[in-house]
Amino acid sequence: MGKPRQGSRYLYEPFDAASARIEAHERVTDERWLALERRLTMIEKSLERLEKRVWLAVYGAASLIAADVALSIFRVG
């Protein structure tokens, strides 16, 4: 039919720059979302560990108070 085309196919096919930008933006947004989810998961795990430590301190203080009360009862009695 005609002369075969030589060179890049992008010279002959239409290119939709707006669509390419939107797709690139979606990929970047997805990666940022995944990174945010990973960070939030790490923060949640850290908060759980901190909560366990706080409750351990609370129970430790309560047990010291209970031991002091028990000792004072035994000394009086």
N, C-alpha and C. Protein backbone atom coordinates (compact mmCIF):
# COMPACT_ATOMS: atom_id res chain seq x y z
N MET A 1 0.83 -1.18 0.00
CA MET A 1 0.00 0.00 0.00
C MET A 1 0.87 1.24 0.00
N GLY A 2 1.30 1.65 1.07
CA GLY A 2 2.12 2.84 1.08
C GLY A 2 3.51 2.50 1.57
N LYS A 3 4.24 3.49 1.76
CA LYS A 3 5.59 3.32 2.28
C LYS A 3 5.49 2.90 3.74
N PRO A 4 6.23 1.86 4.18
CA PRO A 4 6.16 1.47 5.59
C PRO A 4 6.71 2.58 6.49
N ARG A 5 6.07 2.71 7.62
CA ARG A 5 6.49 3.75 8.56
C ARG A 5 7.78 3.33 9.25
N GLN A 6 8.61 4.27 9.46
CA GLN A 6 9.84 4.02 10.20
C GLN A 6 9.90 5.00 11.35
N GLY A 7 10.58 4.61 12.40
CA GLY A 7 10.70 5.50 13.54
C GLY A 7 9.75 5.10 14.65
N SER A 8 9.59 5.96 15.58
CA SER A 8 8.80 5.69 16.77
C SER A 8 7.31 5.69 16.44
N ARG A 9 6.61 4.76 17.09
CA ARG A 9 5.17 4.71 16.88
C ARG A 9 4.48 5.91 17.52
N TYR A 10 5.16 6.55 18.46
CA TYR A 10 4.58 7.70 19.14
C TYR A 10 4.51 8.93 18.23
N LEU A 11 5.24 8.88 17.14
CA LEU A 11 5.16 9.98 16.18
C LEU A 11 3.87 9.92 15.38
N TYR A 12 3.28 8.73 15.31
CA TYR A 12 2.11 8.54 14.45
C TYR A 12 0.81 8.33 15.24
N GLU A 13 0.94 7.84 16.48
CA GLU A 13 -0.26 7.59 17.27
C GLU A 13 -0.55 8.81 18.14
N PRO A 14 -1.82 9.11 18.34
CA PRO A 14 -2.15 10.27 19.19
C PRO A 14 -1.78 9.97 20.65
N PHE A 15 -1.36 10.98 21.34
CA PHE A 15 -0.97 10.83 22.74
C PHE A 15 -1.81 11.76 23.58
N ASP A 16 -2.46 11.19 24.58
CA ASP A 16 -3.33 11.97 25.45
C ASP A 16 -2.55 12.31 26.73
N ALA A 17 -1.99 13.49 26.77
CA ALA A 17 -1.16 13.90 27.90
C ALA A 17 -1.97 14.02 29.19
N ALA A 18 -3.18 14.49 29.09
CA ALA A 18 -4.00 14.65 30.29
C ALA A 18 -4.28 13.30 30.92
N SER A 19 -4.59 12.32 30.12
CA SER A 19 -4.84 10.98 30.65
C SER A 19 -3.59 10.39 31.28
N ALA A 20 -2.45 10.61 30.65
CA ALA A 20 -1.19 10.11 31.21
C ALA A 20 -0.89 10.77 32.54
N ARG A 21 -1.16 12.06 32.64
CA ARG A 21 -0.93 12.76 33.91
C ARG A 21 -1.86 12.23 35.00
N ILE A 22 -3.09 11.99 34.66
CA ILE A 22 -4.05 11.47 35.64
C ILE A 22 -3.63 10.08 36.11
N GLU A 23 -3.22 9.23 35.19
CA GLU A 23 -2.78 7.88 35.56
C GLU A 23 -1.54 7.94 36.44
N ALA A 24 -0.60 8.81 36.11
CA ALA A 24 0.60 8.96 36.94
C ALA A 24 0.23 9.47 38.33
N HIS A 25 -0.69 10.42 38.37
CA HIS A 25 -1.13 10.96 39.66
C HIS A 25 -1.81 9.87 40.49
N GLU A 26 -2.61 9.03 39.86
CA GLU A 26 -3.27 7.94 40.58
C GLU A 26 -2.25 6.96 41.14
N ARG A 27 -1.22 6.65 40.36
CA ARG A 27 -0.18 5.73 40.85
C ARG A 27 0.56 6.34 42.04
N VAL A 28 0.89 7.62 41.95
CA VAL A 28 1.58 8.29 43.05
C VAL A 28 0.69 8.33 44.29
N THR A 29 -0.58 8.63 44.08
CA THR A 29 -1.52 8.68 45.20
C THR A 29 -1.66 7.32 45.86
N ASP A 30 -1.71 6.25 45.07
CA ASP A 30 -1.80 4.90 45.63
C ASP A 30 -0.57 4.57 46.46
N GLU A 31 0.60 4.93 45.98
CA GLU A 31 1.83 4.66 46.73
C GLU A 31 1.86 5.46 48.03
N ARG A 32 1.43 6.71 47.97
CA ARG A 32 1.39 7.52 49.19
C ARG A 32 0.40 6.95 50.19
N TRP A 33 -0.73 6.47 49.69
CA TRP A 33 -1.74 5.88 50.57
C TRP A 33 -1.19 4.64 51.26
N LEU A 34 -0.49 3.79 50.51
CA LEU A 34 0.11 2.60 51.10
C LEU A 34 1.14 2.97 52.16
N ALA A 35 1.94 3.97 51.88
CA ALA A 35 2.94 4.41 52.87
C ALA A 35 2.26 4.95 54.12
N LEU A 36 1.18 5.69 53.94
CA LEU A 36 0.43 6.22 55.08
C LEU A 36 -0.16 5.08 55.91
N GLU A 37 -0.71 4.07 55.25
CA GLU A 37 -1.26 2.93 55.97
C GLU A 37 -0.18 2.20 56.76
N ARG A 38 1.01 2.04 56.15
CA ARG A 38 2.11 1.38 56.88
C ARG A 38 2.50 2.19 58.11
N ARG A 39 2.59 3.50 57.96
CA ARG A 39 2.95 4.34 59.11
C ARG A 39 1.88 4.27 60.19
N LEU A 40 0.61 4.31 59.80
CA LEU A 40 -0.46 4.23 60.79
C LEU A 40 -0.45 2.90 61.52
N THR A 41 -0.14 1.83 60.81
CA THR A 41 -0.04 0.52 61.45
C THR A 41 1.09 0.51 62.47
N MET A 42 2.22 1.10 62.12
CA MET A 42 3.33 1.17 63.06
C MET A 42 2.98 2.01 64.28
N ILE A 43 2.27 3.11 64.07
CA ILE A 43 1.85 3.97 65.19
C ILE A 43 0.88 3.22 66.09
N GLU A 44 -0.06 2.48 65.50
CA GLU A 44 -1.02 1.71 66.30
C GLU A 44 -0.30 0.67 67.15
N LYS A 45 0.68 -0.02 66.58
CA LYS A 45 1.43 -1.02 67.35
C LYS A 45 2.20 -0.37 68.49
N SER A 46 2.78 0.80 68.21
CA SER A 46 3.50 1.51 69.27
C SER A 46 2.56 1.95 70.38
N LEU A 47 1.38 2.42 70.01
CA LEU A 47 0.40 2.82 71.03
C LEU A 47 -0.06 1.63 71.87
N GLU A 48 -0.23 0.47 71.24
CA GLU A 48 -0.61 -0.72 72.00
C GLU A 48 0.47 -1.10 73.00
N ARG A 49 1.75 -1.04 72.58
CA ARG A 49 2.84 -1.35 73.51
C ARG A 49 2.88 -0.34 74.65
N LEU A 50 2.68 0.94 74.32
CA LEU A 50 2.68 1.97 75.35
C LEU A 50 1.53 1.75 76.33
N GLU A 51 0.36 1.38 75.82
CA GLU A 51 -0.78 1.13 76.69
C GLU A 51 -0.50 -0.03 77.65
N LYS A 52 0.14 -1.08 77.16
CA LYS A 52 0.49 -2.20 78.02
C LYS A 52 1.44 -1.76 79.13
N ARG A 53 2.41 -0.92 78.77
CA ARG A 53 3.36 -0.43 79.77
C ARG A 53 2.68 0.44 80.82
N VAL A 54 1.75 1.27 80.39
CA VAL A 54 1.03 2.14 81.33
C VAL A 54 0.22 1.29 82.30
N TRP A 55 -0.50 0.28 81.77
CA TRP A 55 -1.29 -0.57 82.65
C TRP A 55 -0.39 -1.37 83.61
N LEU A 56 0.78 -1.77 83.14
CA LEU A 56 1.73 -2.47 84.02
C LEU A 56 2.16 -1.55 85.15
N ALA A 57 2.41 -0.28 84.84
CA ALA A 57 2.79 0.68 85.88
C ALA A 57 1.64 0.92 86.85
N VAL A 58 0.42 1.00 86.33
CA VAL A 58 -0.75 1.22 87.20
C VAL A 58 -0.94 0.03 88.13
N TYR A 59 -0.86 -1.18 87.59
CA TYR A 59 -1.01 -2.37 88.44
C TYR A 59 0.14 -2.48 89.44
N GLY A 60 1.33 -2.09 89.03
CA GLY A 60 2.47 -2.10 89.95
C GLY A 60 2.26 -1.14 91.11
N ALA A 61 1.80 0.06 90.81
CA ALA A 61 1.53 1.04 91.87
C ALA A 61 0.41 0.56 92.77
N ALA A 62 -0.64 -0.02 92.19
CA ALA A 62 -1.76 -0.54 93.01
C ALA A 62 -1.28 -1.67 93.91
N SER A 63 -0.41 -2.53 93.40
CA SER A 63 0.07 -3.64 94.22
C SER A 63 0.96 -3.13 95.35
N LEU A 64 1.75 -2.08 95.11
CA LEU A 64 2.57 -1.51 96.18
C LEU A 64 1.69 -0.89 97.26
N ILE A 65 0.63 -0.21 96.85
CA ILE A 65 -0.29 0.37 97.83
C ILE A 65 -0.98 -0.74 98.62
N ALA A 66 -1.42 -1.80 97.93
CA ALA A 66 -2.07 -2.92 98.61
C ALA A 66 -1.10 -3.61 99.58
N ALA A 67 0.15 -3.76 99.19
CA ALA A 67 1.14 -4.37 100.08
C ALA A 67 1.38 -3.49 101.29
N ASP A 68 1.43 -2.18 101.12
CA ASP A 68 1.63 -1.26 102.25
C ASP A 68 0.44 -1.33 103.20
N VAL A 69 -0.77 -1.39 102.67
CA VAL A 69 -1.97 -1.51 103.50
C VAL A 69 -1.93 -2.83 104.26
N ALA A 70 -1.58 -3.92 103.59
CA ALA A 70 -1.53 -5.23 104.25
C ALA A 70 -0.49 -5.22 105.35
N LEU A 71 0.66 -4.65 105.13
CA LEU A 71 1.70 -4.59 106.18
C LEU A 71 1.24 -3.76 107.38
N SER A 72 0.55 -2.67 107.09
CA SER A 72 0.08 -1.84 108.22
C SER A 72 -1.00 -2.57 109.01
N ILE A 73 -1.82 -3.39 108.34
CA ILE A 73 -2.85 -4.16 109.05
C ILE A 73 -2.19 -5.23 109.92
N PHE A 74 -1.16 -5.89 109.42
CA PHE A 74 -0.48 -6.93 110.19
C PHE A 74 0.29 -6.34 111.38
N ARG A 75 0.81 -5.15 111.23
CA ARG A 75 1.55 -4.53 112.33
C ARG A 75 0.60 -4.09 113.45
N VAL A 76 -0.58 -3.63 113.09
CA VAL A 76 -1.56 -3.17 114.08
C VAL A 76 -2.14 -4.38 114.80
N GLY A 77 -2.44 -5.44 114.01
CA GLY A 77 -3.13 -6.61 114.55
C GLY A 77 -2.26 -7.49 115.32
